[in-house]
Amino acid sequence: MTRHRPPALPESAVMRQCADYAVMRGALVIRVNAGAMPTPDGRWFRASRWRAPGHLWHDTGVSDLIVIWQGRVFVVETKAEGNVISPTQDEFLEAAELAGAVVVVAYSVDDLRSAMEETR
């Protein structure tokens, strides 16, 4: 009998599961929509920007979810299986960790669950 591995979840499903799990645990969850959109007058609106000590302003790299739970801040970058962190995402995660956040790269809800259990 051949056993097939279930297909990897898309990043949007991993993000939804992580957000739902965190809310179920009593957390405040903030979804960060990064990127840029054109305005009617031809300018660009940047949905998120970040800066930390030693870093210039960045228009990309902010994690998908900010989770606040039991006095801790988790920055959660969700990824579909096989995808990797971009250089600006890595910079953001390093800066967030230096600022005291718990950094989670979640390929499944289990990654967030483990991080929340470890910080209890």
PDB file of N, CA and C in Angstrom:
ATOM      1  N   MET A   1       0.843  -1.179   0.000  1.00  0.00           N
ATOM      2  CA  MET A   1       0.000   0.000   0.000  1.00  0.00           C
ATOM      3  C   MET A   1       0.890   1.246   0.000  1.00  0.00           C
ATOM      4  N   THR A   2       0.603   2.164  -0.864  1.00  0.00           N
ATOM      5  CA  THR A   2       1.351   3.409  -0.937  1.00  0.00           C
ATOM      6  C   THR A   2       0.647   4.465  -0.089  1.00  0.00           C
ATOM      7  N   ARG A   3       1.405   5.078   0.786  1.00  0.00           N
ATOM      8  CA  ARG A   3       0.837   6.151   1.612  1.00  0.00           C
ATOM      9  C   ARG A   3       1.291   7.481   1.037  1.00  0.00           C
ATOM     10  N   HIS A   4       0.344   8.353   0.858  1.00  0.00           N
ATOM     11  CA  HIS A   4       0.652   9.672   0.325  1.00  0.00           C
ATOM     12  C   HIS A   4       0.622  10.692   1.447  1.00  0.00           C
ATOM     13  N   ARG A   5       1.563  11.582   1.390  1.00  0.00           N
ATOM     14  CA  ARG A   5       1.606  12.670   2.349  1.00  0.00           C
ATOM     15  C   ARG A   5       0.522  13.667   1.985  1.00  0.00           C
ATOM     16  N   PRO A   6      -0.217  14.192   2.973  1.00  0.00           N
ATOM     17  CA  PRO A   6      -1.243  15.180   2.628  1.00  0.00           C
ATOM     18  C   PRO A   6      -0.595  16.422   2.041  1.00  0.00           C
ATOM     19  N   PRO A   7      -1.293  17.101   1.165  1.00  0.00           N
ATOM     20  CA  PRO A   7      -0.695  18.292   0.546  1.00  0.00           C
ATOM     21  C   PRO A   7      -0.408  19.358   1.602  1.00  0.00           C
ATOM     22  N   ALA A   8       0.656  20.118   1.365  1.00  0.00           N
ATOM     23  CA  ALA A   8       1.021  21.205   2.280  1.00  0.00           C
ATOM     24  C   ALA A   8      -0.071  22.273   2.250  1.00  0.00           C
ATOM     25  N   LEU A   9      -0.301  22.863   3.409  1.00  0.00           N
ATOM     26  CA  LEU A   9      -1.293  23.939   3.489  1.00  0.00           C
ATOM     27  C   LEU A   9      -0.743  25.209   2.862  1.00  0.00           C
ATOM     28  N   PRO A  10      -1.585  25.984   2.178  1.00  0.00           N
ATOM     29  CA  PRO A  10      -1.121  27.287   1.701  1.00  0.00           C
ATOM     30  C   PRO A  10      -0.883  28.218   2.901  1.00  0.00           C
ATOM     31  N   GLU A  11      -0.058  29.217   2.699  1.00  0.00           N
ATOM     32  CA  GLU A  11       0.279  30.135   3.780  1.00  0.00           C
ATOM     33  C   GLU A  11      -0.960  30.773   4.400  1.00  0.00           C
ATOM     34  N   SER A  12      -1.955  31.096   3.588  1.00  0.00           N
ATOM     35  CA  SER A  12      -3.165  31.732   4.124  1.00  0.00           C
ATOM     36  C   SER A  12      -3.876  30.812   5.122  1.00  0.00           C
ATOM     37  N   ALA A  13      -3.859  29.504   4.871  1.00  0.00           N
ATOM     38  CA  ALA A  13      -4.498  28.553   5.796  1.00  0.00           C
ATOM     39  C   ALA A  13      -3.698  28.433   7.091  1.00  0.00           C
ATOM     40  N   VAL A  14      -2.375  28.420   6.990  1.00  0.00           N
ATOM     41  CA  VAL A  14      -1.531  28.375   8.186  1.00  0.00           C
ATOM     42  C   VAL A  14      -1.781  29.626   9.028  1.00  0.00           C
ATOM     43  N   MET A  15      -1.860  30.779   8.375  1.00  0.00           N
ATOM     44  CA  MET A  15      -2.103  32.036   9.083  1.00  0.00           C
ATOM     45  C   MET A  15      -3.453  32.007   9.798  1.00  0.00           C
ATOM     46  N   ARG A  16      -4.480  31.550   9.104  1.00  0.00           N
ATOM     47  CA  ARG A  16      -5.828  31.468   9.692  1.00  0.00           C
ATOM     48  C   ARG A  16      -5.844  30.542  10.904  1.00  0.00           C
ATOM     49  N   GLN A  17      -5.212  29.383  10.768  1.00  0.00           N
ATOM     50  CA  GLN A  17      -5.171  28.438  11.877  1.00  0.00           C
ATOM     51  C   GLN A  17      -4.418  29.013  13.074  1.00  0.00           C
ATOM     52  N   CYS A  18      -3.306  29.695  12.819  1.00  0.00           N
ATOM     53  CA  CYS A  18      -2.538  30.301  13.910  1.00  0.00           C
ATOM     54  C   CYS A  18      -3.355  31.386  14.603  1.00  0.00           C
ATOM     55  N   ALA A  19      -4.013  32.236  13.826  1.00  0.00           N
ATOM     56  CA  ALA A  19      -4.835  33.303  14.416  1.00  0.00           C
ATOM     57  C   ALA A  19      -5.969  32.711  15.239  1.00  0.00           C
ATOM     58  N   ASP A  20      -6.659  31.725  14.688  1.00  0.00           N
ATOM     59  CA  ASP A  20      -7.772  31.096  15.405  1.00  0.00           C
ATOM     60  C   ASP A  20      -7.292  30.448  16.707  1.00  0.00           C
ATOM     61  N   TYR A  21      -6.159  29.759  16.647  1.00  0.00           N
ATOM     62  CA  TYR A  21      -5.624  29.106  17.838  1.00  0.00           C
ATOM     63  C   TYR A  21      -5.282  30.137  18.913  1.00  0.00           C
ATOM     64  N   ALA A  22      -4.602  31.222  18.527  1.00  0.00           N
ATOM     65  CA  ALA A  22      -4.213  32.244  19.498  1.00  0.00           C
ATOM     66  C   ALA A  22      -5.440  32.886  20.143  1.00  0.00           C
ATOM     67  N   VAL A  23      -6.465  33.176  19.361  1.00  0.00           N
ATOM     68  CA  VAL A  23      -7.698  33.752  19.905  1.00  0.00           C
ATOM     69  C   VAL A  23      -8.360  32.763  20.861  1.00  0.00           C
ATOM     70  N   MET A  24      -8.362  31.487  20.484  1.00  0.00           N
ATOM     71  CA  MET A  24      -8.931  30.463  21.351  1.00  0.00           C
ATOM     72  C   MET A  24      -8.214  30.429  22.708  1.00  0.00           C
ATOM     73  N   ARG A  25      -6.930  30.743  22.718  1.00  0.00           N
ATOM     74  CA  ARG A  25      -6.152  30.775  23.965  1.00  0.00           C
ATOM     75  C   ARG A  25      -6.317  32.093  24.721  1.00  0.00           C
ATOM     76  N   GLY A  26      -7.101  33.032  24.165  1.00  0.00           N
ATOM     77  CA  GLY A  26      -7.358  34.294  24.842  1.00  0.00           C
ATOM     78  C   GLY A  26      -6.451  35.433  24.416  1.00  0.00           C
ATOM     79  N   ALA A  27      -5.750  35.280  23.305  1.00  0.00           N
ATOM     80  CA  ALA A  27      -4.811  36.304  22.839  1.00  0.00           C
ATOM     81  C   ALA A  27      -5.500  37.355  21.976  1.00  0.00           C
ATOM     82  N   LEU A  28      -4.883  38.520  21.942  1.00  0.00           N
ATOM     83  CA  LEU A  28      -5.231  39.556  20.968  1.00  0.00           C
ATOM     84  C   LEU A  28      -4.376  39.298  19.742  1.00  0.00           C
ATOM     85  N   VAL A  29      -4.992  39.240  18.565  1.00  0.00           N
ATOM     86  CA  VAL A  29      -4.260  38.958  17.332  1.00  0.00           C
ATOM     87  C   VAL A  29      -4.438  40.130  16.372  1.00  0.00           C
ATOM     88  N   ILE A  30      -3.324  40.599  15.849  1.00  0.00           N
ATOM     89  CA  ILE A  30      -3.324  41.684  14.862  1.00  0.00           C
ATOM     90  C   ILE A  30      -2.773  41.118  13.567  1.00  0.00           C
ATOM     91  N   ARG A  31      -3.545  41.234  12.495  1.00  0.00           N
ATOM     92  CA  ARG A  31      -3.107  40.786  11.163  1.00  0.00           C
ATOM     93  C   ARG A  31      -2.467  41.977  10.476  1.00  0.00           C
ATOM     94  N   VAL A  32      -1.232  41.803  10.046  1.00  0.00           N
ATOM     95  CA  VAL A  32      -0.497  42.884   9.390  1.00  0.00           C
ATOM     96  C   VAL A  32      -0.521  42.627   7.891  1.00  0.00           C
ATOM     97  N   ASN A  33      -1.134  43.529   7.162  1.00  0.00           N
ATOM     98  CA  ASN A  33      -1.148  43.437   5.702  1.00  0.00           C
ATOM     99  C   ASN A  33      -0.024  44.298   5.162  1.00  0.00           C
ATOM    100  N   ALA A  34       1.039  43.660   4.736  1.00  0.00           N
ATOM    101  CA  ALA A  34       2.184  44.395   4.206  1.00  0.00           C
ATOM    102  C   ALA A  34       2.009  44.608   2.712  1.00  0.00           C
ATOM    103  N   GLY A  35       2.804  45.487   2.186  1.00  0.00           N
ATOM    104  CA  GLY A  35       2.779  45.722   0.750  1.00  0.00           C
ATOM    105  C   GLY A  35       2.400  47.146   0.417  1.00  0.00           C
ATOM    106  N   ALA A  36       2.199  47.392  -0.847  1.00  0.00           N
ATOM    107  CA  ALA A  36       1.883  48.733  -1.328  1.00  0.00           C
ATOM    108  C   ALA A  36       0.738  48.656  -2.322  1.00  0.00           C
ATOM    109  N   MET A  37      -0.066  49.722  -2.331  1.00  0.00           N
ATOM    110  CA  MET A  37      -1.203  49.789  -3.246  1.00  0.00           C
ATOM    111  C   MET A  37      -1.201  51.156  -3.920  1.00  0.00           C
ATOM    112  N   PRO A  38      -1.542  51.210  -5.210  1.00  0.00           N
ATOM    113  CA  PRO A  38      -1.608  52.517  -5.863  1.00  0.00           C
ATOM    114  C   PRO A  38      -2.846  53.291  -5.393  1.00  0.00           C
ATOM    115  N   THR A  39      -2.685  54.593  -5.256  1.00  0.00           N
ATOM    116  CA  THR A  39      -3.813  55.460  -4.912  1.00  0.00           C
ATOM    117  C   THR A  39      -4.386  56.038  -6.197  1.00  0.00           C
ATOM    118  N   PRO A  40      -5.611  56.566  -6.153  1.00  0.00           N
ATOM    119  CA  PRO A  40      -6.213  57.111  -7.370  1.00  0.00           C
ATOM    120  C   PRO A  40      -5.394  58.229  -8.022  1.00  0.00           C
ATOM    121  N   ASP A  41      -4.594  58.940  -7.215  1.00  0.00           N
ATOM    122  CA  ASP A  41      -3.805  60.041  -7.789  1.00  0.00           C
ATOM    123  C   ASP A  41      -2.409  59.595  -8.236  1.00  0.00           C
ATOM    124  N   GLY A  42      -2.158  58.275  -8.280  1.00  0.00           N
ATOM    125  CA  GLY A  42      -0.912  57.764  -8.822  1.00  0.00           C
ATOM    126  C   GLY A  42       0.211  57.565  -7.808  1.00  0.00           C
ATOM    127  N   ARG A  43      -0.020  57.936  -6.556  1.00  0.00           N
ATOM    128  CA  ARG A  43       1.000  57.697  -5.535  1.00  0.00           C
ATOM    129  C   ARG A  43       0.854  56.268  -5.019  1.00  0.00           C
ATOM    130  N   TRP A  44       1.764  55.859  -4.154  1.00  0.00           N
ATOM    131  CA  TRP A  44       1.698  54.528  -3.567  1.00  0.00           C
ATOM    132  C   TRP A  44       1.453  54.639  -2.071  1.00  0.00           C
ATOM    133  N   PHE A  45       0.508  53.831  -1.582  1.00  0.00           N
ATOM    134  CA  PHE A  45       0.214  53.753  -0.159  1.00  0.00           C
ATOM    135  C   PHE A  45       0.920  52.526   0.388  1.00  0.00           C
ATOM    136  N   ARG A  46       1.764  52.709   1.397  1.00  0.00           N
ATOM    137  CA  ARG A  46       2.474  51.609   2.043  1.00  0.00           C
ATOM    138  C   ARG A  46       1.665  51.152   3.248  1.00  0.00           C
ATOM    139  N   ALA A  47       1.275  49.896   3.254  1.00  0.00           N
ATOM    140  CA  ALA A  47       0.395  49.392   4.312  1.00  0.00           C
ATOM    141  C   ALA A  47       1.117  49.213   5.641  1.00  0.00           C
ATOM    142  N   SER A  48       2.399  48.944   5.616  1.00  0.00           N
ATOM    143  CA  SER A  48       3.138  48.809   6.868  1.00  0.00           C
ATOM    144  C   SER A  48       4.588  49.221   6.636  1.00  0.00           C
ATOM    145  N   ARG A  49       5.152  49.825   7.648  1.00  0.00           N
ATOM    146  CA  ARG A  49       6.562  50.209   7.623  1.00  0.00           C
ATOM    147  C   ARG A  49       7.123  49.896   8.997  1.00  0.00           C
ATOM    148  N   TRP A  50       8.411  49.635   9.054  1.00  0.00           N
ATOM    149  CA  TRP A  50       9.019  49.384  10.355  1.00  0.00           C
ATOM    150  C   TRP A  50      10.430  49.939  10.394  1.00  0.00           C
ATOM    151  N   ARG A  51      10.847  50.250  11.608  1.00  0.00           N
ATOM    152  CA  ARG A  51      12.200  50.722  11.847  1.00  0.00           C
ATOM    153  C   ARG A  51      12.592  50.330  13.257  1.00  0.00           C
ATOM    154  N   ALA A  52      13.832  49.975  13.431  1.00  0.00           N
ATOM    155  CA  ALA A  52      14.375  49.599  14.737  1.00  0.00           C
ATOM    156  C   ALA A  52      15.782  50.169  14.839  1.00  0.00           C
ATOM    157  N   PRO A  53      16.334  50.207  16.046  1.00  0.00           N
ATOM    158  CA  PRO A  53      17.715  50.697  16.174  1.00  0.00           C
ATOM    159  C   PRO A  53      18.660  49.957  15.224  1.00  0.00           C
ATOM    160  N   GLY A  54      19.452  50.729  14.506  1.00  0.00           N
ATOM    161  CA  GLY A  54      20.402  50.145  13.563  1.00  0.00           C
ATOM    162  C   GLY A  54      19.812  49.783  12.217  1.00  0.00           C
ATOM    163  N   HIS A  55      18.541  50.095  11.997  1.00  0.00           N
ATOM    164  CA  HIS A  55      17.879  49.764  10.730  1.00  0.00           C
ATOM    165  C   HIS A  55      17.277  51.030  10.118  1.00  0.00           C
ATOM    166  N   LEU A  56      17.294  51.091   8.810  1.00  0.00           N
ATOM    167  CA  LEU A  56      16.582  52.147   8.100  1.00  0.00           C
ATOM    168  C   LEU A  56      15.113  51.762   8.027  1.00  0.00           C
ATOM    169  N   TRP A  57      14.268  52.690   7.561  1.00  0.00           N
ATOM    170  CA  TRP A  57      12.862  52.353   7.350  1.00  0.00           C
ATOM    171  C   TRP A  57      12.743  51.275   6.283  1.00  0.00           C
ATOM    172  N   HIS A  58      11.896  50.287   6.543  1.00  0.00           N
ATOM    173  CA  HIS A  58      11.610  49.221   5.583  1.00  0.00           C
ATOM    174  C   HIS A  58      10.112  49.204   5.289  1.00  0.00           C
ATOM    175  N   ASP A  59       9.773  48.988   4.031  1.00  0.00           N
ATOM    176  CA  ASP A  59       8.373  48.866   3.621  1.00  0.00           C
ATOM    177  C   ASP A  59       7.920  47.413   3.575  1.00  0.00           C
ATOM    178  N   THR A  60       8.834  46.486   3.743  1.00  0.00           N
ATOM    179  CA  THR A  60       8.500  45.066   3.697  1.00  0.00           C
ATOM    180  C   THR A  60       9.126  44.359   4.895  1.00  0.00           C
ATOM    181  N   GLY A  61       8.694  43.150   5.133  1.00  0.00           N
ATOM    182  CA  GLY A  61       9.323  42.317   6.147  1.00  0.00           C
ATOM    183  C   GLY A  61       8.544  42.155   7.435  1.00  0.00           C
ATOM    184  N   VAL A  62       7.512  42.987   7.667  1.00  0.00           N
ATOM    185  CA  VAL A  62       6.744  42.860   8.906  1.00  0.00           C
ATOM    186  C   VAL A  62       6.039  41.509   8.923  1.00  0.00           C
ATOM    187  N   SER A  63       6.074  40.851  10.070  1.00  0.00           N
ATOM    188  CA  SER A  63       5.459  39.524  10.179  1.00  0.00           C
ATOM    189  C   SER A  63       3.955  39.571   9.967  1.00  0.00           C
ATOM    190  N   ASP A  64       3.389  38.425   9.630  1.00  0.00           N
ATOM    191  CA  ASP A  64       1.969  38.315   9.296  1.00  0.00           C
ATOM    192  C   ASP A  64       1.052  38.586  10.483  1.00  0.00           C
ATOM    193  N   LEU A  65       1.446  38.093  11.659  1.00  0.00           N
ATOM    194  CA  LEU A  65       0.598  38.219  12.843  1.00  0.00           C
ATOM    195  C   LEU A  65       1.401  38.770  14.012  1.00  0.00           C
ATOM    196  N   ILE A  66       0.777  39.648  14.771  1.00  0.00           N
ATOM    197  CA  ILE A  66       1.291  40.083  16.060  1.00  0.00           C
ATOM    198  C   ILE A  66       0.300  39.525  17.085  1.00  0.00           C
ATOM    199  N   VAL A  67       0.801  38.713  17.992  1.00  0.00           N
ATOM    200  CA  VAL A  67      -0.048  38.049  18.981  1.00  0.00           C
ATOM    201  C   VAL A  67       0.380  38.534  20.366  1.00  0.00           C
ATOM    202  N   ILE A  68      -0.579  39.061  21.117  1.00  0.00           N
ATOM    203  CA  ILE A  68      -0.306  39.505  22.481  1.00  0.00           C
ATOM    204  C   ILE A  68      -1.065  38.571  23.412  1.00  0.00           C
ATOM    205  N   TRP A  69      -0.296  37.884  24.282  1.00  0.00           N
ATOM    206  CA  TRP A  69      -0.880  36.849  25.133  1.00  0.00           C
ATOM    207  C   TRP A  69      -0.132  36.781  26.454  1.00  0.00           C
ATOM    208  N   GLN A  70      -0.870  36.904  27.526  1.00  0.00           N
ATOM    209  CA  GLN A  70      -0.325  36.799  28.873  1.00  0.00           C
ATOM    210  C   GLN A  70       0.910  37.680  29.065  1.00  0.00           C
ATOM    211  N   GLY A  71       0.822  38.914  28.592  1.00  0.00           N
ATOM    212  CA  GLY A  71       1.901  39.880  28.772  1.00  0.00           C
ATOM    213  C   GLY A  71       3.092  39.697  27.849  1.00  0.00           C
ATOM    214  N   ARG A  72       3.006  38.796  26.885  1.00  0.00           N
ATOM    215  CA  ARG A  72       4.089  38.547  25.931  1.00  0.00           C
ATOM    216  C   ARG A  72       3.634  38.938  24.540  1.00  0.00           C
ATOM    217  N   VAL A  73       4.584  39.376  23.738  1.00  0.00           N
ATOM    218  CA  VAL A  73       4.325  39.695  22.333  1.00  0.00           C
ATOM    219  C   VAL A  73       5.015  38.645  21.479  1.00  0.00           C
ATOM    220  N   PHE A  74       4.239  38.025  20.608  1.00  0.00           N
ATOM    221  CA  PHE A  74       4.758  37.046  19.654  1.00  0.00           C
ATOM    222  C   PHE A  74       4.651  37.664  18.260  1.00  0.00           C
ATOM    223  N   VAL A  75       5.715  37.630  17.503  1.00  0.00           N
ATOM    224  CA  VAL A  75       5.623  37.994  16.085  1.00  0.00           C
ATOM    225  C   VAL A  75       5.665  36.685  15.310  1.00  0.00           C
ATOM    226  N   VAL A  76       4.651  36.474  14.495  1.00  0.00           N
ATOM    227  CA  VAL A  76       4.469  35.187  13.831  1.00  0.00           C
ATOM    228  C   VAL A  76       4.540  35.374  12.326  1.00  0.00           C
ATOM    229  N   GLU A  77       5.559  34.803  11.734  1.00  0.00           N
ATOM    230  CA  GLU A  77       5.699  34.786  10.277  1.00  0.00           C
ATOM    231  C   GLU A  77       5.233  33.422   9.808  1.00  0.00           C
ATOM    232  N   THR A  78       4.134  33.389   9.064  1.00  0.00           N
ATOM    233  CA  THR A  78       3.606  32.112   8.585  1.00  0.00           C
ATOM    234  C   THR A  78       4.183  31.799   7.216  1.00  0.00           C
ATOM    235  N   LYS A  79       4.447  30.524   7.003  1.00  0.00           N
ATOM    236  CA  LYS A  79       5.019  30.071   5.739  1.00  0.00           C
ATOM    237  C   LYS A  79       4.380  28.767   5.323  1.00  0.00           C
ATOM    238  N   ALA A  80       4.176  28.610   4.031  1.00  0.00           N
ATOM    239  CA  ALA A  80       3.783  27.313   3.483  1.00  0.00           C
ATOM    240  C   ALA A  80       5.029  26.434   3.471  1.00  0.00           C
ATOM    241  N   GLU A  81       4.827  25.141   3.586  1.00  0.00           N
ATOM    242  CA  GLU A  81       5.959  24.218   3.587  1.00  0.00           C
ATOM    243  C   GLU A  81       6.839  24.458   2.364  1.00  0.00           C
ATOM    244  N   GLY A  82       8.132  24.540   2.589  1.00  0.00           N
ATOM    245  CA  GLY A  82       9.083  24.742   1.491  1.00  0.00           C
ATOM    246  C   GLY A  82       9.441  26.190   1.248  1.00  0.00           C
ATOM    247  N   ASN A  83       8.642  27.122   1.747  1.00  0.00           N
ATOM    248  CA  ASN A  83       8.960  28.542   1.575  1.00  0.00           C
ATOM    249  C   ASN A  83       9.958  28.984   2.637  1.00  0.00           C
ATOM    250  N   VAL A  84      10.707  30.010   2.330  1.00  0.00           N
ATOM    251  CA  VAL A  84      11.737  30.493   3.256  1.00  0.00           C
ATOM    252  C   VAL A  84      11.530  31.975   3.561  1.00  0.00           C
ATOM    253  N   ILE A  85      12.151  32.410   4.633  1.00  0.00           N
ATOM    254  CA  ILE A  85      12.088  33.804   5.070  1.00  0.00           C
ATOM    255  C   ILE A  85      12.911  34.665   4.115  1.00  0.00           C
ATOM    256  N   SER A  86      12.372  35.836   3.753  1.00  0.00           N
ATOM    257  CA  SER A  86      13.116  36.774   2.910  1.00  0.00           C
ATOM    258  C   SER A  86      14.137  37.527   3.768  1.00  0.00           C
ATOM    259  N   PRO A  87      15.116  38.174   3.147  1.00  0.00           N
ATOM    260  CA  PRO A  87      16.101  38.937   3.929  1.00  0.00           C
ATOM    261  C   PRO A  87      15.471  40.027   4.803  1.00  0.00           C
ATOM    262  N   THR A  88      14.460  40.749   4.304  1.00  0.00           N
ATOM    263  CA  THR A  88      13.858  41.802   5.152  1.00  0.00           C
ATOM    264  C   THR A  88      12.974  41.193   6.241  1.00  0.00           C
ATOM    265  N   GLN A  89      12.361  40.049   5.986  1.00  0.00           N
ATOM    266  CA  GLN A  89      11.623  39.362   7.048  1.00  0.00           C
ATOM    267  C   GLN A  89      12.594  38.923   8.148  1.00  0.00           C
ATOM    268  N   ASP A  90      13.748  38.418   7.753  1.00  0.00           N
ATOM    269  CA  ASP A  90      14.753  37.997   8.716  1.00  0.00           C
ATOM    270  C   ASP A  90      15.230  39.191   9.548  1.00  0.00           C
ATOM    271  N   GLU A  91      15.458  40.327   8.903  1.00  0.00           N
ATOM    272  CA  GLU A  91      15.853  41.542   9.629  1.00  0.00           C
ATOM    273  C   GLU A  91      14.788  41.935  10.647  1.00  0.00           C
ATOM    274  N   PHE A  92      13.514  41.898  10.226  1.00  0.00           N
ATOM    275  CA  PHE A  92      12.428  42.259  11.137  1.00  0.00           C
ATOM    276  C   PHE A  92      12.377  41.305  12.328  1.00  0.00           C
ATOM    277  N   LEU A  93      12.488  40.009  12.062  1.00  0.00           N
ATOM    278  CA  LEU A  93      12.428  39.025  13.138  1.00  0.00           C
ATOM    279  C   LEU A  93      13.579  39.218  14.132  1.00  0.00           C
ATOM    280  N   GLU A  94      14.768  39.504  13.634  1.00  0.00           N
ATOM    281  CA  GLU A  94      15.914  39.764  14.514  1.00  0.00           C
ATOM    282  C   GLU A  94      15.670  41.002  15.363  1.00  0.00           C
ATOM    283  N   ALA A  95      15.162  42.081  14.732  1.00  0.00           N
ATOM    284  CA  ALA A  95      14.885  43.318  15.472  1.00  0.00           C
ATOM    285  C   ALA A  95      13.795  43.102  16.512  1.00  0.00           C
ATOM    286  N   ALA A  96      12.762  42.332  16.163  1.00  0.00           N
ATOM    287  CA  ALA A  96      11.676  42.051  17.111  1.00  0.00           C
ATOM    288  C   ALA A  96      12.196  41.256  18.301  1.00  0.00           C
ATOM    289  N   GLU A  97      13.043  40.288  18.041  1.00  0.00           N
ATOM    290  CA  GLU A  97      13.605  39.484  19.126  1.00  0.00           C
ATOM    291  C   GLU A  97      14.481  40.346  20.042  1.00  0.00           C
ATOM    292  N   LEU A  98      15.296  41.219  19.459  1.00  0.00           N
ATOM    293  CA  LEU A  98      16.126  42.117  20.265  1.00  0.00           C
ATOM    294  C   LEU A  98      15.268  43.046  21.124  1.00  0.00           C
ATOM    295  N   ALA A  99      14.067  43.371  20.632  1.00  0.00           N
ATOM    296  CA  ALA A  99      13.152  44.242  21.378  1.00  0.00           C
ATOM    297  C   ALA A  99      12.355  43.468  22.434  1.00  0.00           C
ATOM    298  N   GLY A 100      12.527  42.151  22.496  1.00  0.00           N
ATOM    299  CA  GLY A 100      11.871  41.361  23.533  1.00  0.00           C
ATOM    300  C   GLY A 100      10.712  40.503  23.091  1.00  0.00           C
ATOM    301  N   ALA A 101      10.402  40.495  21.800  1.00  0.00           N
ATOM    302  CA  ALA A 101       9.297  39.668  21.303  1.00  0.00           C
ATOM    303  C   ALA A 101       9.728  38.207  21.185  1.00  0.00           C
ATOM    304  N   VAL A 102       8.754  37.328  21.237  1.00  0.00           N
ATOM    305  CA  VAL A 102       8.977  35.915  20.947  1.00  0.00           C
ATOM    306  C   VAL A 102       8.765  35.744  19.445  1.00  0.00           C
ATOM    307  N   VAL A 103       9.769  35.263  18.760  1.00  0.00           N
ATOM    308  CA  VAL A 103       9.713  35.119  17.306  1.00  0.00           C
ATOM    309  C   VAL A 103       9.291  33.701  16.953  1.00  0.00           C
ATOM    310  N   VAL A 104       8.297  33.598  16.067  1.00  0.00           N
ATOM    311  CA  VAL A 104       7.805  32.287  15.635  1.00  0.00           C
ATOM    312  C   VAL A 104       7.726  32.280  14.108  1.00  0.00           C
ATOM    313  N   VAL A 105       8.399  31.323  13.498  1.00  0.00           N
ATOM    314  CA  VAL A 105       8.193  31.045  12.078  1.00  0.00           C
ATOM    315  C   VAL A 105       7.319  29.804  12.051  1.00  0.00           C
ATOM    316  N   ALA A 106       6.075  29.978  11.607  1.00  0.00           N
ATOM    317  CA  ALA A 106       5.074  28.914  11.705  1.00  0.00           C
ATOM    318  C   ALA A 106       4.805  28.278  10.339  1.00  0.00           C
ATOM    319  N   TYR A 107       5.203  27.030  10.215  1.00  0.00           N
ATOM    320  CA  TYR A 107       4.857  26.229   9.036  1.00  0.00           C
ATOM    321  C   TYR A 107       3.559  25.470   9.289  1.00  0.00           C
ATOM    322  N   SER A 108       3.146  25.472  10.562  1.00  0.00           N
ATOM    323  CA  SER A 108       1.855  24.906  10.951  1.00  0.00           C
ATOM    324  C   SER A 108       1.466  25.539  12.279  1.00  0.00           C
ATOM    325  N   VAL A 109       0.233  25.332  12.681  1.00  0.00           N
ATOM    326  CA  VAL A 109      -0.234  25.865  13.959  1.00  0.00           C
ATOM    327  C   VAL A 109       0.558  25.261  15.116  1.00  0.00           C
ATOM    328  N   ASP A 110       1.118  24.089  14.921  1.00  0.00           N
ATOM    329  CA  ASP A 110       1.912  23.448  15.972  1.00  0.00           C
ATOM    330  C   ASP A 110       3.127  24.281  16.373  1.00  0.00           C
ATOM    331  N   ASP A 111       3.699  25.022  15.431  1.00  0.00           N
ATOM    332  CA  ASP A 111       4.846  25.874  15.750  1.00  0.00           C
ATOM    333  C   ASP A 111       4.452  26.985  16.720  1.00  0.00           C
ATOM    334  N   LEU A 112       3.297  27.607  16.495  1.00  0.00           N
ATOM    335  CA  LEU A 112       2.819  28.640  17.417  1.00  0.00           C
ATOM    336  C   LEU A 112       2.419  28.007  18.747  1.00  0.00           C
ATOM    337  N   ARG A 113       1.732  26.887  18.707  1.00  0.00           N
ATOM    338  CA  ARG A 113       1.326  26.199  19.929  1.00  0.00           C
ATOM    339  C   ARG A 113       2.549  25.905  20.812  1.00  0.00           C
ATOM    340  N   SER A 114       3.602  25.383  20.219  1.00  0.00           N
ATOM    341  CA  SER A 114       4.812  25.081  20.978  1.00  0.00           C
ATOM    342  C   SER A 114       5.419  26.326  21.603  1.00  0.00           C
ATOM    343  N   ALA A 115       5.487  27.412  20.835  1.00  0.00           N
ATOM    344  CA  ALA A 115       6.069  28.657  21.356  1.00  0.00           C
ATOM    345  C   ALA A 115       5.246  29.204  22.515  1.00  0.00           C
ATOM    346  N   MET A 116       3.921  29.128  22.410  1.00  0.00           N
ATOM    347  CA  MET A 116       3.073  29.623  23.494  1.00  0.00           C
ATOM    348  C   MET A 116       3.219  28.739  24.729  1.00  0.00           C
ATOM    349  N   GLU A 117       3.338  27.444  24.548  1.00  0.00           N
ATOM    350  CA  GLU A 117       3.500  26.541  25.688  1.00  0.00           C
ATOM    351  C   GLU A 117       4.851  26.769  26.385  1.00  0.00           C
ATOM    352  N   GLU A 118       5.888  27.016  25.590  1.00  0.00           N
ATOM    353  CA  GLU A 118       7.229  27.222  26.148  1.00  0.00           C
ATOM    354  C   GLU A 118       7.332  28.502  26.959  1.00  0.00           C
ATOM    355  N   THR A 119       6.498  29.482  26.672  1.00  0.00           N
ATOM    356  CA  THR A 119       6.596  30.771  27.372  1.00  0.00           C
ATOM    357  C   THR A 119       5.605  30.897  28.517  1.00  0.00           C
ATOM    358  N   ARG A 120       4.864  29.860  28.799  1.00  0.00           N
ATOM    359  CA  ARG A 120       3.888  29.886  29.887  1.00  0.00           C
ATOM    360  C   ARG A 120       4.523  30.128  31.212  1.00  0.00           C
TER     361      ARG A 120
END
